């Protein structure tokens, strides 16, 4: 077993000693790998957990397929919008995403007392500062790099301004609430926890500089679509183009659909929440793929997701199909593209990013 999985197993074997696992109504996985879900779930079952597991990612839903005794929901709300009691929450990455998740749980509770929100995560996730941001919150368990924070269900945020003098962040908890920003006349709908949720990221806009100068046609895939920037920009630029937009993250898929609706582009698009090239994406054929591939899972660097996709992308591209990819310089996708594709070229390179174009063999 990998070291991080062994650490997770030791940590969750101790959770029962401080948290009432058997009375939890919900467990919400946010960024955990499928292996982590598969490792921890049997331990929680042994401790008496019989609630609903809410997963934020399609890959986690696949892992939960081995545990048919538990209810599982793919959703971005920690209790899938259901009434909640005690909840065990994996700490989302980013202060705003964490505060939104806790606010959603609080809003879902029929009554606050005597319930508790239990939040777990490693030190790099910001879990330590979380205990300082809620009145009455405390660290209940510390084991290795992992922490478990106890937050009384009714606990308000500590009233304090940040370094820029702003009041504590508050995002609406309603299911139809989105943050919106514009890029080149497009309206993008996002929520905390989605990649680059406040503004368009520099890598994607650099890739679009090249893509929008092409003459694209047929059916394309925007893989790892985030809030839908790449796919929406292509749909607007090329009126005959069809775009499938795919992401493992359920919240990203929801935001992408909202982006399409906000720009009246939904008629030529399809949104799929799936891990890599799964059965739904694998049943389709594409003239091209565009991607700003993910390389983090929460705070953890994870290059394997993009590497696996590049290996599998050959099977979904039509003969002569192309892939356009942007990546940080230090990731250097060139070797993987040379291995799996032909006519590989670095179209642009600057101090931060590489733009790659490659063709199916």
Foldseek 3Di string as FASTA:
>chain_A
DDPVLVQLLVQLLCVVVQDVLQPFQEEEAEQDALSNLLSNVVSSVVSNHAHEYEYQFQRVVVSCVVPVSHHYHHDLARNNLAQGFAYEYEQFADPQSNVLNLVSNLVRHPDQPPGKYKYKDFVVRVVVCVQVFWPPKDWRDDGDRMTIIIHRSPTDTDFDADPVRHTDDDFDNDPPGWDWDDDPRAIFTAGPRFPPRNDDDPQLVVLVVVVLVDQDADEEEEEQQGLNPNVVVVCVSHVHYAYEYEERGNRSLVNVVVSCVVVVRPVRYHYYRHQACDPVLLVAAGLEYEYADDQDRRPRGRPPSVLVNLQVVLSRYDAFRKYKYKYFPVSPCPVSCVVAFPPWDFPDDDPTMTIIMTTGD
